[in-house]
């Protein structure tokens, strides 16, 4: 059980750090393009689909080894 908690904690820290870097990049982009928004609706949808694909890939990491 201790390993599960450690995995969740490390995952949460990595997710928070990644989110902080992403927000920083979006802020920098918004400051560079003063009149434009940092992200459009289309960009948001593309990003959401890519994140969903990444999560599916992470979820299936150990499944291929089990099939062999």
C-alpha atoms as a PDB file:
ATOM      1  CA  UNK A   1       0.000   0.000   0.000  1.00  0.00           C
ATOM      2  CA  UNK A   2       2.913   2.316   0.682  1.00  0.00           C
ATOM      3  CA  UNK A   3       4.086   1.976  -2.934  1.00  0.00           C
ATOM      4  CA  UNK A   4       0.647   3.021  -4.228  1.00  0.00           C
ATOM      5  CA  UNK A   5       0.666   6.174  -2.099  1.00  0.00           C
ATOM      6  CA  UNK A   6       4.179   7.039  -3.213  1.00  0.00           C
ATOM      7  CA  UNK A   7       3.200   6.563  -6.863  1.00  0.00           C
ATOM      8  CA  UNK A   8       0.184   8.845  -6.438  1.00  0.00           C
ATOM      9  CA  UNK A   9       2.266  11.500  -4.698  1.00  0.00           C
ATOM     10  CA  UNK A  10       4.969  11.456  -7.368  1.00  0.00           C
ATOM     11  CA  UNK A  11       2.338  11.569 -10.120  1.00  0.00           C
ATOM     12  CA  UNK A  12       0.618  14.528  -8.465  1.00  0.00           C
ATOM     13  CA  UNK A  13       3.909  16.407  -8.144  1.00  0.00           C
ATOM     14  CA  UNK A  14       4.822  15.751 -11.769  1.00  0.00           C
ATOM     15  CA  UNK A  15       1.350  16.852 -12.876  1.00  0.00           C
ATOM     16  CA  UNK A  16       1.537  20.046 -10.828  1.00  0.00           C
ATOM     17  CA  UNK A  17       4.988  20.890 -12.164  1.00  0.00           C
ATOM     18  CA  UNK A  18       3.879  20.228 -15.737  1.00  0.00           C
ATOM     19  CA  UNK A  19       0.806  22.396 -15.271  1.00  0.00           C
ATOM     20  CA  UNK A  20       2.896  25.217 -13.833  1.00  0.00           C
ATOM     21  CA  UNK A  21       5.283  25.127 -16.790  1.00  0.00           C
ATOM     22  CA  UNK A  22       2.354  25.054 -19.243  1.00  0.00           C
ATOM     23  CA  UNK A  23       0.692  28.036 -17.553  1.00  0.00           C
ATOM     24  CA  UNK A  24       3.982  29.931 -17.599  1.00  0.00           C
ATOM     25  CA  UNK A  25       4.399  29.276 -21.330  1.00  0.00           C
ATOM     26  CA  UNK A  26       0.825  30.414 -22.011  1.00  0.00           C
ATOM     27  CA  UNK A  27       1.395  33.609 -20.015  1.00  0.00           C
ATOM     28  CA  UNK A  28       4.597  34.305 -21.933  1.00  0.00           C
ATOM     29  CA  UNK A  29       2.774  33.753 -25.227  1.00  0.00           C
ATOM     30  CA  UNK A  30      -0.074  36.059 -24.169  1.00  0.00           C
ATOM     31  CA  UNK A  31       2.375  38.805 -23.193  1.00  0.00           C
ATOM     32  CA  UNK A  32       4.193  38.459 -26.514  1.00  0.00           C
ATOM     33  CA  UNK A  33       0.952  38.768 -28.523  1.00  0.00           C
ATOM     34  CA  UNK A  34      -0.692  41.629 -26.641  1.00  0.00           C
ATOM     35  CA  UNK A  35      -3.927  41.690 -28.649  1.00  0.00           C
ATOM     36  CA  UNK A  36      -4.484  37.943 -28.920  1.00  0.00           C
ATOM     37  CA  UNK A  37      -5.652  35.469 -26.304  1.00  0.00           C
ATOM     38  CA  UNK A  38      -3.128  32.929 -25.108  1.00  0.00           C
ATOM     39  CA  UNK A  39      -5.113  29.965 -26.419  1.00  0.00           C
ATOM     40  CA  UNK A  40      -8.032  29.659 -28.797  1.00  0.00           C
ATOM     41  CA  UNK A  41     -10.951  27.264 -28.491  1.00  0.00           C
ATOM     42  CA  UNK A  42      -9.562  25.145 -31.318  1.00  0.00           C
ATOM     43  CA  UNK A  43      -6.166  24.966 -29.631  1.00  0.00           C
ATOM     44  CA  UNK A  44      -7.861  23.935 -26.390  1.00  0.00           C
ATOM     45  CA  UNK A  45      -9.723  21.100 -28.110  1.00  0.00           C
ATOM     46  CA  UNK A  46      -6.530  19.883 -29.812  1.00  0.00           C
ATOM     47  CA  UNK A  47      -4.683  19.987 -26.504  1.00  0.00           C
ATOM     48  CA  UNK A  48      -7.473  18.082 -24.740  1.00  0.00           C
ATOM     49  CA  UNK A  49      -7.452  15.328 -27.365  1.00  0.00           C
ATOM     50  CA  UNK A  50      -3.669  15.031 -27.130  1.00  0.00           C
ATOM     51  CA  UNK A  51      -3.781  14.808 -23.324  1.00  0.00           C
ATOM     52  CA  UNK A  52      -6.503  12.149 -23.502  1.00  0.00           C
ATOM     53  CA  UNK A  53      -4.334  10.141 -25.929  1.00  0.00           C
ATOM     54  CA  UNK A  54      -1.360  10.463 -23.589  1.00  0.00           C
ATOM     55  CA  UNK A  55      -3.400   9.208 -20.636  1.00  0.00           C
ATOM     56  CA  UNK A  56      -4.634   6.226 -22.670  1.00  0.00           C
ATOM     57  CA  UNK A  57      -1.047   5.412 -23.630  1.00  0.00           C
ATOM     58  CA  UNK A  58       0.063   5.598 -19.992  1.00  0.00           C
ATOM     59  CA  UNK A  59      -2.838   3.369 -18.921  1.00  0.00           C
ATOM     60  CA  UNK A  60      -1.884   0.714 -21.466  1.00  0.00           C
ATOM     61  CA  UNK A  61       1.856   0.620 -20.693  1.00  0.00           C
ATOM     62  CA  UNK A  62       1.878  -2.735 -18.901  1.00  0.00           C
ATOM     63  CA  UNK A  63      -0.843  -4.444 -20.930  1.00  0.00           C
ATOM     64  CA  UNK A  64       1.339  -5.526 -23.863  1.00  0.00           C
ATOM     65  CA  UNK A  65       3.714  -7.440 -21.606  1.00  0.00           C
ATOM     66  CA  UNK A  66       0.810  -9.304 -19.974  1.00  0.00           C
ATOM     67  CA  UNK A  67      -0.438 -10.552 -23.355  1.00  0.00           C
ATOM     68  CA  UNK A  68       2.860 -12.319 -24.184  1.00  0.00           C
END
